[in-house]
Amino acid sequence: MTSEVTNPRTKSMAPWRGRTRVKDARTKLIPPIRCTEGERVAIKAAADHAGLSVGAFVRALALGDAGPRAVRRPPIERKELARLLGHLGKVGSNLNQLAHAFNRDRRIPGLTELTAMRQQVGELRDALMKALGRAGHSGDH
């Protein structure tokens, strides 16, 4: 028998491996449901809109409740994601300008430019966390 100290896999193994994590674990599968591509897309979109995985969404429809451990996802806010994509483009453009300036002058960008970029990256991170439904701030990373 290998001890935890000498077994390198011990640290990477899931702590619940080999035992049931909950008393009423979902272990049974319902065979795949046949549908058209359009129906599949519509079901996935409805689940996304509800902030649920497809399985939790189907359980909610069939049983009236998605369950206490249902995978709840933040609804996708397309307008917010488009805004964040634009913001990311701005950060990338600034980085590209700094790289060109360095290649041209062989000088490291000034503190002002680097501070502005750092702030933009922090704002982008905060906005992404908000869009994902998670509180947080960039802080001093």
C-alpha atoms as a PDB file:
ATOM      1  CA  MET A   1       0.000   0.000   0.000  1.00  0.00           C
ATOM      2  CA  THR A   2       1.366   3.393  -1.025  1.00  0.00           C
ATOM      3  CA  SER A   3       1.307   6.253   1.458  1.00  0.00           C
ATOM      4  CA  GLU A   4       0.112   9.770   0.548  1.00  0.00           C
ATOM      5  CA  VAL A   5       3.660  11.064   0.827  1.00  0.00           C
ATOM      6  CA  THR A   6       5.101   8.660  -1.749  1.00  0.00           C
ATOM      7  CA  ASN A   7       2.127   8.582  -4.112  1.00  0.00           C
ATOM      8  CA  PRO A   8       2.393  11.584  -6.497  1.00  0.00           C
ATOM      9  CA  ARG A   9      -1.205  11.118  -7.696  1.00  0.00           C
ATOM     10  CA  THR A  10      -2.665  11.691  -4.226  1.00  0.00           C
ATOM     11  CA  LYS A  11      -2.484  15.476  -4.431  1.00  0.00           C
ATOM     12  CA  SER A  12      -4.110  15.642  -7.869  1.00  0.00           C
ATOM     13  CA  MET A  13      -6.932  13.207  -7.103  1.00  0.00           C
ATOM     14  CA  ALA A  14     -10.363  14.589  -6.258  1.00  0.00           C
ATOM     15  CA  PRO A  15     -11.026  14.414  -2.505  1.00  0.00           C
ATOM     16  CA  TRP A  16     -14.409  12.720  -3.048  1.00  0.00           C
ATOM     17  CA  ARG A  17     -13.040  10.032  -5.385  1.00  0.00           C
ATOM     18  CA  GLY A  18     -14.322   6.604  -4.472  1.00  0.00           C
ATOM     19  CA  ARG A  19     -17.268   7.764  -2.390  1.00  0.00           C
ATOM     20  CA  THR A  20     -20.641   9.335  -3.074  1.00  0.00           C
ATOM     21  CA  ARG A  21     -20.560  13.067  -2.393  1.00  0.00           C
ATOM     22  CA  VAL A  22     -24.274  13.391  -1.644  1.00  0.00           C
ATOM     23  CA  LYS A  23     -26.897  10.958  -0.473  1.00  0.00           C
ATOM     24  CA  ASP A  24     -29.144  11.441  -3.521  1.00  0.00           C
ATOM     25  CA  ALA A  25     -26.491  11.849  -6.239  1.00  0.00           C
ATOM     26  CA  ARG A  26     -27.747  11.995  -9.797  1.00  0.00           C
ATOM     27  CA  THR A  27     -26.344   8.793 -11.240  1.00  0.00           C
ATOM     28  CA  LYS A  28     -29.019   7.789 -13.773  1.00  0.00           C
ATOM     29  CA  LEU A  29     -29.120   9.020 -17.350  1.00  0.00           C
ATOM     30  CA  ILE A  30     -32.139   9.505 -19.572  1.00  0.00           C
ATOM     31  CA  PRO A  31     -31.322   8.326 -23.101  1.00  0.00           C
ATOM     32  CA  PRO A  32     -30.637  11.091 -25.617  1.00  0.00           C
ATOM     33  CA  ILE A  33     -33.659  12.935 -26.915  1.00  0.00           C
ATOM     34  CA  ARG A  34     -34.013  13.255 -30.672  1.00  0.00           C
ATOM     35  CA  CYS A  35     -34.663  16.761 -31.970  1.00  0.00           C
ATOM     36  CA  THR A  36     -33.878  18.938 -34.944  1.00  0.00           C
ATOM     37  CA  GLU A  37     -30.896  21.286 -34.928  1.00  0.00           C
ATOM     38  CA  GLY A  38     -33.322  24.197 -34.620  1.00  0.00           C
ATOM     39  CA  GLU A  39     -35.006  22.616 -31.597  1.00  0.00           C
ATOM     40  CA  ARG A  40     -31.623  21.932 -29.974  1.00  0.00           C
ATOM     41  CA  VAL A  41     -30.551  25.548 -30.494  1.00  0.00           C
ATOM     42  CA  ALA A  42     -33.879  26.821 -29.126  1.00  0.00           C
ATOM     43  CA  ILE A  43     -33.661  24.605 -26.009  1.00  0.00           C
ATOM     44  CA  LYS A  44     -30.058  25.677 -25.367  1.00  0.00           C
ATOM     45  CA  ALA A  45     -31.016  29.355 -25.819  1.00  0.00           C
ATOM     46  CA  ALA A  46     -33.972  28.992 -23.427  1.00  0.00           C
ATOM     47  CA  ALA A  47     -31.718  27.309 -20.852  1.00  0.00           C
ATOM     48  CA  ASP A  48     -29.108  30.073 -21.230  1.00  0.00           C
ATOM     49  CA  HIS A  49     -31.811  32.715 -20.865  1.00  0.00           C
ATOM     50  CA  ALA A  50     -33.005  31.009 -17.666  1.00  0.00           C
ATOM     51  CA  GLY A  51     -29.431  30.851 -16.398  1.00  0.00           C
ATOM     52  CA  LEU A  52     -29.472  27.061 -16.164  1.00  0.00           C
ATOM     53  CA  SER A  53     -27.653  24.177 -17.765  1.00  0.00           C
ATOM     54  CA  VAL A  54     -29.731  22.230 -20.273  1.00  0.00           C
ATOM     55  CA  GLY A  55     -30.145  19.338 -17.790  1.00  0.00           C
ATOM     56  CA  ALA A  56     -31.345  21.639 -14.992  1.00  0.00           C
ATOM     57  CA  PHE A  57     -33.644  23.421 -17.442  1.00  0.00           C
ATOM     58  CA  VAL A  58     -35.245  20.141 -18.559  1.00  0.00           C
ATOM     59  CA  ARG A  59     -35.650  19.039 -14.904  1.00  0.00           C
ATOM     60  CA  ALA A  60     -37.304  22.367 -14.094  1.00  0.00           C
ATOM     61  CA  LEU A  61     -39.759  21.930 -16.970  1.00  0.00           C
ATOM     62  CA  ALA A  62     -40.518  18.275 -16.275  1.00  0.00           C
ATOM     63  CA  LEU A  63     -40.510  18.316 -12.475  1.00  0.00           C
ATOM     64  CA  GLY A  64     -41.247  21.945 -11.669  1.00  0.00           C
ATOM     65  CA  ASP A  65     -37.865  22.453  -9.975  1.00  0.00           C
ATOM     66  CA  ALA A  66     -34.296  22.353 -11.271  1.00  0.00           C
ATOM     67  CA  GLY A  67     -33.092  20.977  -7.936  1.00  0.00           C
ATOM     68  CA  PRO A  68     -31.015  22.464  -5.114  1.00  0.00           C
ATOM     69  CA  ARG A  69     -27.693  21.709  -6.792  1.00  0.00           C
ATOM     70  CA  ALA A  70     -28.713  22.775 -10.287  1.00  0.00           C
ATOM     71  CA  VAL A  71     -25.969  24.402 -12.300  1.00  0.00           C
ATOM     72  CA  ARG A  72     -27.070  28.012 -12.429  1.00  0.00           C
ATOM     73  CA  ARG A  73     -25.319  30.194 -14.957  1.00  0.00           C
ATOM     74  CA  PRO A  74     -25.557  33.950 -15.335  1.00  0.00           C
ATOM     75  CA  PRO A  75     -27.727  34.915 -18.316  1.00  0.00           C
ATOM     76  CA  ILE A  76     -25.692  36.068 -21.298  1.00  0.00           C
ATOM     77  CA  GLU A  77     -25.845  39.819 -21.751  1.00  0.00           C
ATOM     78  CA  ARG A  78     -24.942  40.316 -25.394  1.00  0.00           C
ATOM     79  CA  LYS A  79     -24.862  44.111 -25.147  1.00  0.00           C
ATOM     80  CA  GLU A  80     -22.430  43.959 -22.213  1.00  0.00           C
ATOM     81  CA  LEU A  81     -20.254  41.382 -23.970  1.00  0.00           C
ATOM     82  CA  ALA A  82     -20.096  43.587 -27.094  1.00  0.00           C
ATOM     83  CA  ARG A  83     -19.036  46.541 -24.923  1.00  0.00           C
ATOM     84  CA  LEU A  84     -16.346  44.427 -23.258  1.00  0.00           C
ATOM     85  CA  LEU A  85     -15.089  43.237 -26.641  1.00  0.00           C
ATOM     86  CA  GLY A  86     -14.685  46.884 -27.683  1.00  0.00           C
ATOM     87  CA  HIS A  87     -12.850  47.646 -24.452  1.00  0.00           C
ATOM     88  CA  LEU A  88     -10.522  44.680 -25.038  1.00  0.00           C
ATOM     89  CA  GLY A  89      -9.793  46.024 -28.533  1.00  0.00           C
ATOM     90  CA  LYS A  90      -8.838  49.366 -27.009  1.00  0.00           C
ATOM     91  CA  VAL A  91      -6.414  47.702 -24.590  1.00  0.00           C
ATOM     92  CA  GLY A  92      -4.920  45.670 -27.442  1.00  0.00           C
ATOM     93  CA  SER A  93      -4.523  48.806 -29.550  1.00  0.00           C
ATOM     94  CA  ASN A  94      -2.707  50.571 -26.703  1.00  0.00           C
ATOM     95  CA  LEU A  95      -0.401  47.579 -26.240  1.00  0.00           C
ATOM     96  CA  ASN A  96       0.338  47.545 -29.974  1.00  0.00           C
ATOM     97  CA  GLN A  97       1.174  51.269 -29.906  1.00  0.00           C
ATOM     98  CA  LEU A  98       3.565  50.720 -27.005  1.00  0.00           C
ATOM     99  CA  ALA A  99       5.263  47.842 -28.836  1.00  0.00           C
ATOM    100  CA  HIS A 100       5.703  50.008 -31.956  1.00  0.00           C
ATOM    101  CA  ALA A 101       7.125  52.852 -29.878  1.00  0.00           C
ATOM    102  CA  PHE A 102       9.566  50.483 -28.207  1.00  0.00           C
ATOM    103  CA  ASN A 103      10.673  48.996 -31.534  1.00  0.00           C
ATOM    104  CA  ARG A 104      11.119  52.459 -33.024  1.00  0.00           C
ATOM    105  CA  ASP A 105      12.889  54.206 -30.106  1.00  0.00           C
ATOM    106  CA  ARG A 106      14.184  51.227 -28.086  1.00  0.00           C
ATOM    107  CA  ARG A 107      12.760  52.856 -24.980  1.00  0.00           C
ATOM    108  CA  ILE A 108      10.543  51.311 -22.361  1.00  0.00           C
ATOM    109  CA  PRO A 109       7.071  52.936 -22.239  1.00  0.00           C
ATOM    110  CA  GLY A 110       6.561  55.583 -19.603  1.00  0.00           C
ATOM    111  CA  LEU A 111       4.881  55.013 -16.271  1.00  0.00           C
ATOM    112  CA  THR A 112       1.846  57.019 -17.415  1.00  0.00           C
ATOM    113  CA  GLU A 113       1.147  54.700 -20.355  1.00  0.00           C
ATOM    114  CA  LEU A 114       1.725  51.545 -18.334  1.00  0.00           C
ATOM    115  CA  THR A 115      -0.486  52.799 -15.481  1.00  0.00           C
ATOM    116  CA  ALA A 116      -3.285  53.607 -17.949  1.00  0.00           C
ATOM    117  CA  MET A 117      -3.054  50.141 -19.494  1.00  0.00           C
ATOM    118  CA  ARG A 118      -3.050  48.487 -16.079  1.00  0.00           C
ATOM    119  CA  GLN A 119      -6.167  50.432 -15.133  1.00  0.00           C
ATOM    120  CA  GLN A 120      -7.891  49.436 -18.379  1.00  0.00           C
ATOM    121  CA  VAL A 121      -7.071  45.772 -17.837  1.00  0.00           C
ATOM    122  CA  GLY A 122      -8.421  46.004 -14.261  1.00  0.00           C
ATOM    123  CA  GLU A 123     -11.631  47.646 -15.492  1.00  0.00           C
ATOM    124  CA  LEU A 124     -12.018  44.952 -18.144  1.00  0.00           C
ATOM    125  CA  ARG A 125     -11.528  42.231 -15.528  1.00  0.00           C
ATOM    126  CA  ASP A 126     -14.109  43.834 -13.215  1.00  0.00           C
ATOM    127  CA  ALA A 127     -16.624  44.157 -16.032  1.00  0.00           C
ATOM    128  CA  LEU A 128     -16.117  40.533 -17.083  1.00  0.00           C
ATOM    129  CA  MET A 129     -16.573  39.352 -13.501  1.00  0.00           C
ATOM    130  CA  LYS A 130     -19.790  41.384 -13.285  1.00  0.00           C
ATOM    131  CA  ALA A 131     -21.041  39.947 -16.596  1.00  0.00           C
ATOM    132  CA  LEU A 132     -20.313  36.469 -15.208  1.00  0.00           C
ATOM    133  CA  GLY A 133     -22.310  37.247 -12.074  1.00  0.00           C
ATOM    134  CA  ARG A 134     -19.316  37.312  -9.748  1.00  0.00           C
ATOM    135  CA  ALA A 135     -18.401  40.155  -7.447  1.00  0.00           C
ATOM    136  CA  GLY A 136     -14.795  41.217  -7.364  1.00  0.00           C
ATOM    137  CA  HIS A 137     -12.328  43.941  -8.080  1.00  0.00           C
ATOM    138  CA  SER A 138      -8.963  44.002  -9.747  1.00  0.00           C
ATOM    139  CA  GLY A 139      -7.121  45.278  -6.658  1.00  0.00           C
ATOM    140  CA  ASP A 140      -3.337  45.264  -6.822  1.00  0.00           C
ATOM    141  CA  HIS A 141      -2.430  42.333  -9.086  1.00  0.00           C
END
